[in-house]
Protein backbone atom coordinates (compact mmCIF):
# COMPACT_ATOMS: atom_id res chain seq x y z
CA UNK A 1 10.24 -3.84 8.57
CA UNK A 2 11.04 -3.72 4.84
CA UNK A 3 9.18 -7.00 4.38
CA UNK A 4 6.11 -5.51 6.07
CA UNK A 5 6.16 -2.48 3.75
CA UNK A 6 6.55 -4.76 0.73
CA UNK A 7 3.61 -6.93 1.84
CA UNK A 8 1.42 -3.85 2.39
CA UNK A 9 2.35 -2.53 -1.05
CA UNK A 10 1.55 -5.84 -2.77
CA UNK A 11 -1.81 -6.11 -0.98
CA UNK A 12 -2.58 -2.52 -1.95
CA UNK A 13 -1.84 -3.18 -5.62
CA UNK A 14 -3.97 -6.35 -5.60
CA UNK A 15 -6.85 -4.47 -3.98
CA UNK A 16 -6.50 -1.63 -6.48
CA UNK A 17 -6.82 -4.02 -9.41
CA UNK A 18 -9.68 -5.94 -7.79
CA UNK A 19 -11.55 -2.75 -6.95
CA UNK A 20 -11.01 -1.41 -10.44
CA UNK A 21 -12.26 -4.51 -12.25
CA UNK A 22 -15.21 -5.40 -10.02
CA UNK A 23 -17.54 -2.45 -9.60
CA UNK A 24 -19.47 -4.10 -6.76
CA UNK A 25 -16.25 -4.17 -4.72
CA UNK A 26 -15.54 -0.48 -5.21
CA UNK A 27 -14.59 -0.03 -1.55
CA UNK A 28 -11.50 -2.18 -2.20
CA UNK A 29 -10.26 0.56 -4.50
CA UNK A 30 -10.25 3.00 -1.59
CA UNK A 31 -8.68 0.47 0.78
CA UNK A 32 -5.96 -0.18 -1.78
CA UNK A 33 -5.27 3.53 -2.19
CA UNK A 34 -5.03 4.03 1.57
CA UNK A 35 -2.67 1.07 2.01
CA UNK A 36 -0.51 2.23 -0.89
CA UNK A 37 -0.25 5.72 0.61
CA UNK A 38 0.67 4.28 4.02
CA UNK A 39 3.35 2.07 2.47
CA UNK A 40 4.75 5.02 0.50
CA UNK A 41 4.87 7.23 3.61
CA UNK A 42 6.66 4.54 5.62
CA UNK A 43 9.14 3.98 2.80
CA UNK A 44 9.84 7.70 2.41
CA UNK A 45 10.27 8.22 6.16
CA UNK A 46 12.73 5.35 6.35
CA UNK A 47 14.56 6.49 3.21
CA UNK A 48 14.85 10.12 4.26
CA UNK A 49 15.78 9.44 7.88
CA UNK A 50 18.44 6.89 6.97
CA UNK A 51 17.69 4.84 10.06
CA UNK A 52 17.37 1.08 9.91
CA UNK A 53 14.68 0.49 12.51
């Protein structure tokens, strides 16, 4: 599951940079933000719960 969170975070960062540099692909900025928030929530839930699911 940690690998999945890492992959989501990397994709989010790539989409954030792509959306920021290319104005015609502005929707990628929002997709990147949403994916980054999802990855952060999953990481925090796993970190705070202490479970290794």
